[in-house]
PDB file of all heavy atoms in Angstrom:
ATOM      1  N   ALA A   1     -20.639 -10.355   5.516  1.00  0.00           N
ATOM      2  CA  ALA A   1     -20.226 -11.749   5.676  1.00  0.00           C
ATOM      3  C   ALA A   1     -18.945 -11.862   6.490  1.00  0.00           C
ATOM      4  O   ALA A   1     -18.624 -12.936   6.997  1.00  0.00           O
ATOM      5  CB  ALA A   1     -20.030 -12.392   4.300  1.00  0.00           C
ATOM      6  N   TYR A   2     -18.211 -10.772   6.620  1.00  0.00           N
ATOM      7  CA  TYR A   2     -16.946 -10.790   7.361  1.00  0.00           C
ATOM      8  C   TYR A   2     -17.166 -10.497   8.832  1.00  0.00           C
ATOM      9  O   TYR A   2     -17.985  -9.649   9.194  1.00  0.00           O
ATOM     10  CB  TYR A   2     -15.980  -9.741   6.810  1.00  0.00           C
ATOM     11  CG  TYR A   2     -15.551  -9.947   5.383  1.00  0.00           C
ATOM     12  CD1 TYR A   2     -15.594  -8.895   4.478  1.00  0.00           C
ATOM     13  CD2 TYR A   2     -15.084 -11.179   4.935  1.00  0.00           C
ATOM     14  CE1 TYR A   2     -15.184  -9.057   3.176  1.00  0.00           C
ATOM     15  CE2 TYR A   2     -14.683 -11.354   3.627  1.00  0.00           C
ATOM     16  CZ  TYR A   2     -14.733 -10.285   2.741  1.00  0.00           C
ATOM     17  OH  TYR A   2     -14.336 -10.454   1.453  1.00  0.00           O
ATOM     18  N   SER A   3     -16.382 -11.160   9.657  1.00  0.00           N
ATOM     19  CA  SER A   3     -16.362 -10.824  11.087  1.00  0.00           C
ATOM     20  C   SER A   3     -15.596  -9.513  11.249  1.00  0.00           C
ATOM     21  O   SER A   3     -14.916  -9.054  10.325  1.00  0.00           O
ATOM     22  CB  SER A   3     -15.668 -11.940  11.881  1.00  0.00           C
ATOM     23  OG  SER A   3     -14.287 -11.966  11.563  1.00  0.00           O
ATOM     24  N   ASP A   4     -15.687  -8.915  12.445  1.00  0.00           N
ATOM     25  CA  ASP A   4     -14.950  -7.675  12.698  1.00  0.00           C
ATOM     26  C   ASP A   4     -13.448  -7.885  12.519  1.00  0.00           C
ATOM     27  O   ASP A   4     -12.746  -7.035  11.951  1.00  0.00           O
ATOM     28  CB  ASP A   4     -15.236  -7.143  14.106  1.00  0.00           C
ATOM     29  CG  ASP A   4     -16.645  -6.574  14.226  1.00  0.00           C
ATOM     30  OD1 ASP A   4     -17.256  -6.257  13.171  1.00  0.00           O
ATOM     31  OD2 ASP A   4     -17.127  -6.425  15.367  1.00  0.00           O
ATOM     32  N   HIS A   5     -12.956  -9.029  13.009  1.00  0.00           N
ATOM     33  CA  HIS A   5     -11.523  -9.303  12.874  1.00  0.00           C
ATOM     34  C   HIS A   5     -11.137  -9.486  11.402  1.00  0.00           C
ATOM     35  O   HIS A   5     -10.086  -8.999  10.966  1.00  0.00           O
ATOM     36  CB  HIS A   5     -11.123 -10.539  13.690  1.00  0.00           C
ATOM     37  CG  HIS A   5      -9.659 -10.826  13.632  1.00  0.00           C
ATOM     38  ND1 HIS A   5      -8.716 -10.010  14.230  1.00  0.00           N
ATOM     39  CD2 HIS A   5      -8.966 -11.823  13.016  1.00  0.00           C
ATOM     40  CE1 HIS A   5      -7.511 -10.488  13.995  1.00  0.00           C
ATOM     41  NE2 HIS A   5      -7.623 -11.598  13.265  1.00  0.00           N
ATOM     42  N   ALA A   6     -11.987 -10.168  10.643  1.00  0.00           N
ATOM     43  CA  ALA A   6     -11.703 -10.361   9.216  1.00  0.00           C
ATOM     44  C   ALA A   6     -11.681  -9.019   8.497  1.00  0.00           C
ATOM     45  O   ALA A   6     -10.815  -8.779   7.644  1.00  0.00           O
ATOM     46  CB  ALA A   6     -12.736 -11.288   8.587  1.00  0.00           C
ATOM     47  N   ARG A   7     -12.611  -8.125   8.846  1.00  0.00           N
ATOM     48  CA  ARG A   7     -12.615  -6.780   8.261  1.00  0.00           C
ATOM     49  C   ARG A   7     -11.314  -6.045   8.587  1.00  0.00           C
ATOM     50  O   ARG A   7     -10.736  -5.366   7.737  1.00  0.00           O
ATOM     51  CB  ARG A   7     -13.798  -5.966   8.773  1.00  0.00           C
ATOM     52  CG  ARG A   7     -15.070  -6.223   8.050  1.00  0.00           C
ATOM     53  CD  ARG A   7     -16.108  -5.137   8.376  1.00  0.00           C
ATOM     54  NE  ARG A   7     -17.408  -5.668   8.099  1.00  0.00           N
ATOM     55  CZ  ARG A   7     -18.240  -6.178   9.002  1.00  0.00           C
ATOM     56  NH1 ARG A   7     -17.928  -6.190  10.267  1.00  0.00           N
ATOM     57  NH2 ARG A   7     -19.394  -6.675   8.643  1.00  0.00           N
ATOM     58  N   GLN A   8     -10.856  -6.201   9.827  1.00  0.00           N
ATOM     59  CA  GLN A   8      -9.623  -5.533  10.246  1.00  0.00           C
ATOM     60  C   GLN A   8      -8.424  -6.095   9.464  1.00  0.00           C
ATOM     61  O   GLN A   8      -7.571  -5.333   8.988  1.00  0.00           O
ATOM     62  CB  GLN A   8      -9.422  -5.710  11.754  1.00  0.00           C
ATOM     63  CG  GLN A   8      -8.298  -4.869  12.309  1.00  0.00           C
ATOM     64  CD  GLN A   8      -8.138  -5.043  13.811  1.00  0.00           C
ATOM     65  OE1 GLN A   8      -8.422  -6.107  14.362  1.00  0.00           O
ATOM     66  NE2 GLN A   8      -7.667  -3.984  14.457  1.00  0.00           N
ATOM     67  N   VAL A   9      -8.371  -7.407   9.300  1.00  0.00           N
ATOM     68  CA  VAL A   9      -7.277  -8.027   8.554  1.00  0.00           C
ATOM     69  C   VAL A   9      -7.324  -7.590   7.089  1.00  0.00           C
ATOM     70  O   VAL A   9      -6.296  -7.220   6.507  1.00  0.00           O
ATOM     71  CB  VAL A   9      -7.320  -9.568   8.673  1.00  0.00           C
ATOM     72  CG1 VAL A   9      -6.341 -10.226   7.707  1.00  0.00           C
ATOM     73  CG2 VAL A   9      -7.036  -9.999  10.104  1.00  0.00           C
ATOM     74  N   LEU A  10      -8.498  -7.608   6.491  1.00  0.00           N
ATOM     75  CA  LEU A  10      -8.620  -7.204   5.082  1.00  0.00           C
ATOM     76  C   LEU A  10      -8.272  -5.730   4.892  1.00  0.00           C
ATOM     77  O   LEU A  10      -7.638  -5.355   3.907  1.00  0.00           O
ATOM     78  CB  LEU A  10     -10.029  -7.507   4.565  1.00  0.00           C
ATOM     79  CG  LEU A  10     -10.336  -8.989   4.365  1.00  0.00           C
ATOM     80  CD1 LEU A  10     -11.825  -9.197   4.088  1.00  0.00           C
ATOM     81  CD2 LEU A  10      -9.484  -9.562   3.237  1.00  0.00           C
ATOM     82  N   ALA A  11      -8.690  -4.898   5.843  1.00  0.00           N
ATOM     83  CA  ALA A  11      -8.352  -3.473   5.774  1.00  0.00           C
ATOM     84  C   ALA A  11      -6.835  -3.293   5.902  1.00  0.00           C
ATOM     85  O   ALA A  11      -6.239  -2.465   5.194  1.00  0.00           O
ATOM     86  CB  ALA A  11      -9.081  -2.704   6.870  1.00  0.00           C
ATOM     87  N   ALA A  12      -6.219  -4.064   6.772  1.00  0.00           N
ATOM     88  CA  ALA A  12      -4.762  -3.997   6.930  1.00  0.00           C
ATOM     89  C   ALA A  12      -4.069  -4.426   5.639  1.00  0.00           C
ATOM     90  O   ALA A  12      -3.066  -3.831   5.230  1.00  0.00           O
ATOM     91  CB  ALA A  12      -4.310  -4.859   8.097  1.00  0.00           C
ATOM     92  N   LYS A  13      -4.603  -5.481   5.004  1.00  0.00           N
ATOM     93  CA  LYS A  13      -4.018  -5.939   3.739  1.00  0.00           C
ATOM     94  C   LYS A  13      -4.144  -4.857   2.666  1.00  0.00           C
ATOM     95  O   LYS A  13      -3.182  -4.584   1.933  1.00  0.00           O
ATOM     96  CB  LYS A  13      -4.695  -7.233   3.269  1.00  0.00           C
ATOM     97  CG  LYS A  13      -4.307  -8.464   4.086  1.00  0.00           C
ATOM     98  CD  LYS A  13      -5.004  -9.710   3.552  1.00  0.00           C
ATOM     99  CE  LYS A  13      -4.681 -10.939   4.370  1.00  0.00           C
ATOM    100  NZ  LYS A  13      -3.277 -11.318   4.391  1.00  0.00           N
ATOM    101  N   ALA A  14      -5.310  -4.239   2.578  1.00  0.00           N
ATOM    102  CA  ALA A  14      -5.520  -3.180   1.583  1.00  0.00           C
ATOM    103  C   ALA A  14      -4.593  -1.997   1.860  1.00  0.00           C
ATOM    104  O   ALA A  14      -3.967  -1.452   0.940  1.00  0.00           O
ATOM    105  CB  ALA A  14      -6.984  -2.733   1.589  1.00  0.00           C
ATOM    106  N   TRP A  15      -4.498  -1.598   3.137  1.00  0.00           N
ATOM    107  CA  TRP A  15      -3.631  -0.474   3.510  1.00  0.00           C
ATOM    108  C   TRP A  15      -2.167  -0.795   3.229  1.00  0.00           C
ATOM    109  O   TRP A  15      -1.436   0.024   2.665  1.00  0.00           O
ATOM    110  CB  TRP A  15      -3.831  -0.127   4.987  1.00  0.00           C
ATOM    111  CG  TRP A  15      -2.860   0.906   5.466  1.00  0.00           C
ATOM    112  CD1 TRP A  15      -2.945   2.252   5.292  1.00  0.00           C
ATOM    113  CD2 TRP A  15      -1.637   0.669   6.164  1.00  0.00           C
ATOM    114  NE1 TRP A  15      -1.863   2.877   5.842  1.00  0.00           N
ATOM    115  CE2 TRP A  15      -1.040   1.925   6.379  1.00  0.00           C
ATOM    116  CE3 TRP A  15      -1.002  -0.485   6.621  1.00  0.00           C
ATOM    117  CZ2 TRP A  15       0.175   2.056   7.049  1.00  0.00           C
ATOM    118  CZ3 TRP A  15       0.217  -0.346   7.286  1.00  0.00           C
ATOM    119  CH2 TRP A  15       0.790   0.915   7.494  1.00  0.00           C
ATOM    120  N   SER A  16      -1.733  -1.985   3.602  1.00  0.00           N
ATOM    121  CA  SER A  16      -0.340  -2.382   3.404  1.00  0.00           C
ATOM    122  C   SER A  16       0.013  -2.408   1.918  1.00  0.00           C
ATOM    123  O   SER A  16       1.058  -1.894   1.510  1.00  0.00           O
ATOM    124  CB  SER A  16      -0.104  -3.751   4.039  1.00  0.00           C
ATOM    125  OG  SER A  16       1.246  -4.118   3.929  1.00  0.00           O
ATOM    126  N   GLN A  17      -0.856  -2.987   1.112  1.00  0.00           N
ATOM    127  CA  GLN A  17      -0.610  -3.072  -0.322  1.00  0.00           C
ATOM    128  C   GLN A  17      -0.572  -1.677  -0.945  1.00  0.00           C
ATOM    129  O   GLN A  17       0.339  -1.367  -1.722  1.00  0.00           O
ATOM    130  CB  GLN A  17      -1.683  -3.919  -1.010  1.00  0.00           C
ATOM    131  CG  GLN A  17      -1.479  -4.023  -2.509  1.00  0.00           C
ATOM    132  CD  GLN A  17      -2.599  -4.785  -3.195  1.00  0.00           C
ATOM    133  OE1 GLN A  17      -3.681  -4.958  -2.645  1.00  0.00           O
ATOM    134  NE2 GLN A  17      -2.337  -5.223  -4.408  1.00  0.00           N
ATOM    135  N   ALA A  18      -1.533  -0.840  -0.615  1.00  0.00           N
ATOM    136  CA  ALA A  18      -1.576   0.513  -1.174  1.00  0.00           C
ATOM    137  C   ALA A  18      -0.360   1.330  -0.713  1.00  0.00           C
ATOM    138  O   ALA A  18       0.217   2.084  -1.495  1.00  0.00           O
ATOM    139  CB  ALA A  18      -2.878   1.211  -0.779  1.00  0.00           C
ATOM    140  N   SER A  19       0.052   1.159   0.539  1.00  0.00           N
ATOM    141  CA  SER A  19       1.233   1.874   1.047  1.00  0.00           C
ATOM    142  C   SER A  19       2.477   1.464   0.273  1.00  0.00           C
ATOM    143  O   SER A  19       3.311   2.307  -0.076  1.00  0.00           O
ATOM    144  CB  SER A  19       1.443   1.582   2.532  1.00  0.00           C
ATOM    145  OG  SER A  19       0.404   2.117   3.298  1.00  0.00           O
ATOM    146  N   GLN A  20       2.609   0.172   0.018  1.00  0.00           N
ATOM    147  CA  GLN A  20       3.764  -0.315  -0.741  1.00  0.00           C
ATOM    148  C   GLN A  20       3.741   0.210  -2.177  1.00  0.00           C
ATOM    149  O   GLN A  20       4.782   0.599  -2.720  1.00  0.00           O
ATOM    150  CB  GLN A  20       3.801  -1.842  -0.718  1.00  0.00           C
ATOM    151  CG  GLN A  20       4.164  -2.401   0.639  1.00  0.00           C
ATOM    152  CD  GLN A  20       3.970  -3.916   0.735  1.00  0.00           C
ATOM    153  OE1 GLN A  20       3.590  -4.572  -0.228  1.00  0.00           O
ATOM    154  NE2 GLN A  20       4.229  -4.464   1.911  1.00  0.00           N
ATOM    155  N   GLN A  21       2.565   0.244  -2.775  1.00  0.00           N
ATOM    156  CA  GLN A  21       2.453   0.765  -4.139  1.00  0.00           C
ATOM    157  C   GLN A  21       2.805   2.251  -4.178  1.00  0.00           C
ATOM    158  O   GLN A  21       3.499   2.701  -5.097  1.00  0.00           O
ATOM    159  CB  GLN A  21       1.040   0.548  -4.681  1.00  0.00           C
ATOM    160  CG  GLN A  21       0.718  -0.891  -4.972  1.00  0.00           C
ATOM    161  CD  GLN A  21      -0.743  -1.099  -5.326  1.00  0.00           C
ATOM    162  OE1 GLN A  21      -1.620  -0.303  -4.949  1.00  0.00           O
ATOM    163  NE2 GLN A  21      -1.028  -2.175  -6.046  1.00  0.00           N
ATOM    164  N   LEU A  22       2.337   3.004  -3.186  1.00  0.00           N
ATOM    165  CA  LEU A  22       2.663   4.434  -3.133  1.00  0.00           C
ATOM    166  C   LEU A  22       4.165   4.640  -2.949  1.00  0.00           C
ATOM    167  O   LEU A  22       4.752   5.542  -3.554  1.00  0.00           O
ATOM    168  CB  LEU A  22       1.892   5.125  -2.006  1.00  0.00           C
ATOM    169  CG  LEU A  22       0.415   5.362  -2.272  1.00  0.00           C
ATOM    170  CD1 LEU A  22      -0.286   5.857  -1.005  1.00  0.00           C
ATOM    171  CD2 LEU A  22       0.233   6.368  -3.404  1.00  0.00           C
ATOM    172  N   GLU A  23       4.801   3.813  -2.140  1.00  0.00           N
ATOM    173  CA  GLU A  23       6.245   3.924  -1.947  1.00  0.00           C
ATOM    174  C   GLU A  23       6.984   3.617  -3.245  1.00  0.00           C
ATOM    175  O   GLU A  23       7.985   4.266  -3.562  1.00  0.00           O
ATOM    176  CB  GLU A  23       6.715   2.996  -0.819  1.00  0.00           C
ATOM    177  CG  GLU A  23       8.197   3.041  -0.552  1.00  0.00           C
ATOM    178  CD  GLU A  23       8.745   4.402  -0.167  1.00  0.00           C
ATOM    179  OE1 GLU A  23       7.993   5.308   0.253  1.00  0.00           O
ATOM    180  OE2 GLU A  23       9.980   4.578  -0.278  1.00  0.00           O
ATOM    181  N   GLN A  24       6.498   2.654  -4.013  1.00  0.00           N
ATOM    182  CA  GLN A  24       7.121   2.345  -5.303  1.00  0.00           C
ATOM    183  C   GLN A  24       6.997   3.530  -6.257  1.00  0.00           C
ATOM    184  O   GLN A  24       7.950   3.861  -6.971  1.00  0.00           O
ATOM    185  CB  GLN A  24       6.488   1.097  -5.918  1.00  0.00           C
ATOM    186  CG  GLN A  24       6.869  -0.180  -5.216  1.00  0.00           C
ATOM    187  CD  GLN A  24       6.087  -1.385  -5.724  1.00  0.00           C
ATOM    188  OE1 GLN A  24       5.111  -1.258  -6.471  1.00  0.00           O
ATOM    189  NE2 GLN A  24       6.511  -2.572  -5.315  1.00  0.00           N
ATOM    190  N   VAL A  25       5.832   4.174  -6.275  1.00  0.00           N
ATOM    191  CA  VAL A  25       5.638   5.349  -7.134  1.00  0.00           C
ATOM    192  C   VAL A  25       6.567   6.475  -6.682  1.00  0.00           C
ATOM    193  O   VAL A  25       7.212   7.140  -7.505  1.00  0.00           O
ATOM    194  CB  VAL A  25       4.161   5.813  -7.122  1.00  0.00           C
ATOM    195  CG1 VAL A  25       3.990   7.152  -7.819  1.00  0.00           C
ATOM    196  CG2 VAL A  25       3.268   4.760  -7.771  1.00  0.00           C
ATOM    197  N   ARG A  26       6.689   6.675  -5.373  1.00  0.00           N
ATOM    198  CA  ARG A  26       7.565   7.718  -4.839  1.00  0.00           C
ATOM    199  C   ARG A  26       9.009   7.452  -5.241  1.00  0.00           C
ATOM    200  O   ARG A  26       9.709   8.343  -5.727  1.00  0.00           O
ATOM    201  CB  ARG A  26       7.444   7.800  -3.319  1.00  0.00           C
ATOM    202  CG  ARG A  26       8.243   8.943  -2.689  1.00  0.00           C
ATOM    203  CD  ARG A  26       8.124   8.928  -1.170  1.00  0.00           C
ATOM    204  NE  ARG A  26       9.006   7.956  -0.569  1.00  0.00           N
ATOM    205  CZ  ARG A  26      10.304   8.168  -0.358  1.00  0.00           C
ATOM    206  NH1 ARG A  26      10.864   9.301  -0.682  1.00  0.00           N
ATOM    207  NH2 ARG A  26      11.045   7.222   0.193  1.00  0.00           N
ATOM    208  N   GLN A  27       9.460   6.206  -5.051  1.00  0.00           N
ATOM    209  CA  GLN A  27      10.826   5.852  -5.418  1.00  0.00           C
ATOM    210  C   GLN A  27      11.062   6.009  -6.920  1.00  0.00           C
ATOM    211  O   GLN A  27      12.136   6.442  -7.349  1.00  0.00           O
ATOM    212  CB  GLN A  27      11.146   4.415  -4.979  1.00  0.00           C
ATOM    213  CG  GLN A  27      11.248   4.224  -3.490  1.00  0.00           C
ATOM    214  CD  GLN A  27      12.404   4.998  -2.878  1.00  0.00           C
ATOM    215  OE1 GLN A  27      13.430   5.229  -3.495  1.00  0.00           O
ATOM    216  NE2 GLN A  27      12.220   5.416  -1.630  1.00  0.00           N
ATOM    217  N   SER A  28      10.063   5.661  -7.709  1.00  0.00           N
ATOM    218  CA  SER A  28      10.167   5.807  -9.154  1.00  0.00           C
ATOM    219  C   SER A  28      10.306   7.282  -9.537  1.00  0.00           C
ATOM    220  O   SER A  28      11.122   7.630 -10.407  1.00  0.00           O
ATOM    221  CB  SER A  28       8.942   5.200  -9.822  1.00  0.00           C
ATOM    222  OG  SER A  28       8.952   5.433 -11.204  1.00  0.00           O
ATOM    223  N   GLU A  29       9.537   8.154  -8.904  1.00  0.00           N
ATOM    224  CA  GLU A  29       9.636   9.592  -9.172  1.00  0.00           C
ATOM    225  C   GLU A  29      11.010  10.120  -8.791  1.00  0.00           C
ATOM    226  O   GLU A  29      11.594  10.917  -9.518  1.00  0.00           O
ATOM    227  CB  GLU A  29       8.552  10.366  -8.421  1.00  0.00           C
ATOM    228  CG  GLU A  29       7.201  10.260  -9.044  1.00  0.00           C
ATOM    229  CD  GLU A  29       6.161  11.143  -8.354  1.00  0.00           C
ATOM    230  OE1 GLU A  29       6.531  12.040  -7.568  1.00  0.00           O
ATOM    231  OE2 GLU A  29       4.965  10.943  -8.628  1.00  0.00           O
ATOM    232  N   LEU A  30      11.530   9.676  -7.641  1.00  0.00           N
ATOM    233  CA  LEU A  30      12.855  10.120  -7.209  1.00  0.00           C
ATOM    234  C   LEU A  30      13.934   9.632  -8.177  1.00  0.00           C
ATOM    235  O   LEU A  30      14.863  10.376  -8.510  1.00  0.00           O
ATOM    236  CB  LEU A  30      13.153   9.633  -5.788  1.00  0.00           C
ATOM    237  CG  LEU A  30      12.356  10.289  -4.666  1.00  0.00           C
ATOM    238  CD1 LEU A  30      12.678   9.635  -3.325  1.00  0.00           C
ATOM    239  CD2 LEU A  30      12.621  11.787  -4.613  1.00  0.00           C
ATOM    240  N   ALA A  31      13.809   8.390  -8.644  1.00  0.00           N
ATOM    241  CA  ALA A  31      14.790   7.847  -9.588  1.00  0.00           C
ATOM    242  C   ALA A  31      14.725   8.595 -10.915  1.00  0.00           C
ATOM    243  O   ALA A  31      15.767   8.890 -11.525  1.00  0.00           O
ATOM    244  CB  ALA A  31      14.542   6.353  -9.806  1.00  0.00           C
ATOM    245  N   GLU A  32      13.523   8.906 -11.358  1.00  0.00           N
ATOM    246  CA  GLU A  32      13.356   9.656 -12.608  1.00  0.00           C
ATOM    247  C   GLU A  32      13.974  11.047 -12.470  1.00  0.00           C
ATOM    248  O   GLU A  32      14.664  11.523 -13.374  1.00  0.00           O
ATOM    249  CB  GLU A  32      11.869   9.764 -12.952  1.00  0.00           C
ATOM    250  CG  GLU A  32      11.588  10.425 -14.272  1.00  0.00           C
ATOM    251  CD  GLU A  32      10.104  10.459 -14.594  1.00  0.00           C
ATOM    252  OE1 GLU A  32       9.425   9.440 -14.383  1.00  0.00           O
ATOM    253  OE2 GLU A  32       9.629  11.509 -15.050  1.00  0.00           O
ATOM    254  N   LEU A  33      13.748  11.691 -11.341  1.00  0.00           N
ATOM    255  CA  LEU A  33      14.316  13.012 -11.088  1.00  0.00           C
ATOM    256  C   LEU A  33      15.842  12.942 -11.039  1.00  0.00           C
ATOM    257  O   LEU A  33      16.534  13.759 -11.651  1.00  0.00           O
ATOM    258  CB  LEU A  33      13.770  13.579  -9.768  1.00  0.00           C
ATOM    259  CG  LEU A  33      14.315  14.919  -9.321  1.00  0.00           C
ATOM    260  CD1 LEU A  33      14.004  16.015 -10.329  1.00  0.00           C
ATOM    261  CD2 LEU A  33      13.729  15.284  -7.957  1.00  0.00           C
ATOM    262  N   ALA A  34      16.377  11.961 -10.350  1.00  0.00           N
ATOM    263  CA  ALA A  34      17.832  11.802 -10.264  1.00  0.00           C
ATOM    264  C   ALA A  34      18.424  11.538 -11.647  1.00  0.00           C
ATOM    265  O   ALA A  34      19.479  12.077 -11.995  1.00  0.00           O
ATOM    266  CB  ALA A  34      18.195  10.674  -9.302  1.00  0.00           C
ATOM    267  N   GLY A  35      17.738  10.736 -12.449  1.00  0.00           N
ATOM    268  CA  GLY A  35      18.195  10.463 -13.808  1.00  0.00           C
ATOM    269  C   GLY A  35      18.191  11.716 -14.666  1.00  0.00           C
ATOM    270  O   GLY A  35      19.119  11.958 -15.445  1.00  0.00           O
TER     271      GLY A  35
END
């Protein structure tokens, strides 16, 4: 049902969100280690 551009935008949204979540987990691990 999605156009190619819509697929690209949705994929970008999924990638961006997952990247941000991974960065939060990384920062949390570093903070835990520093603590």
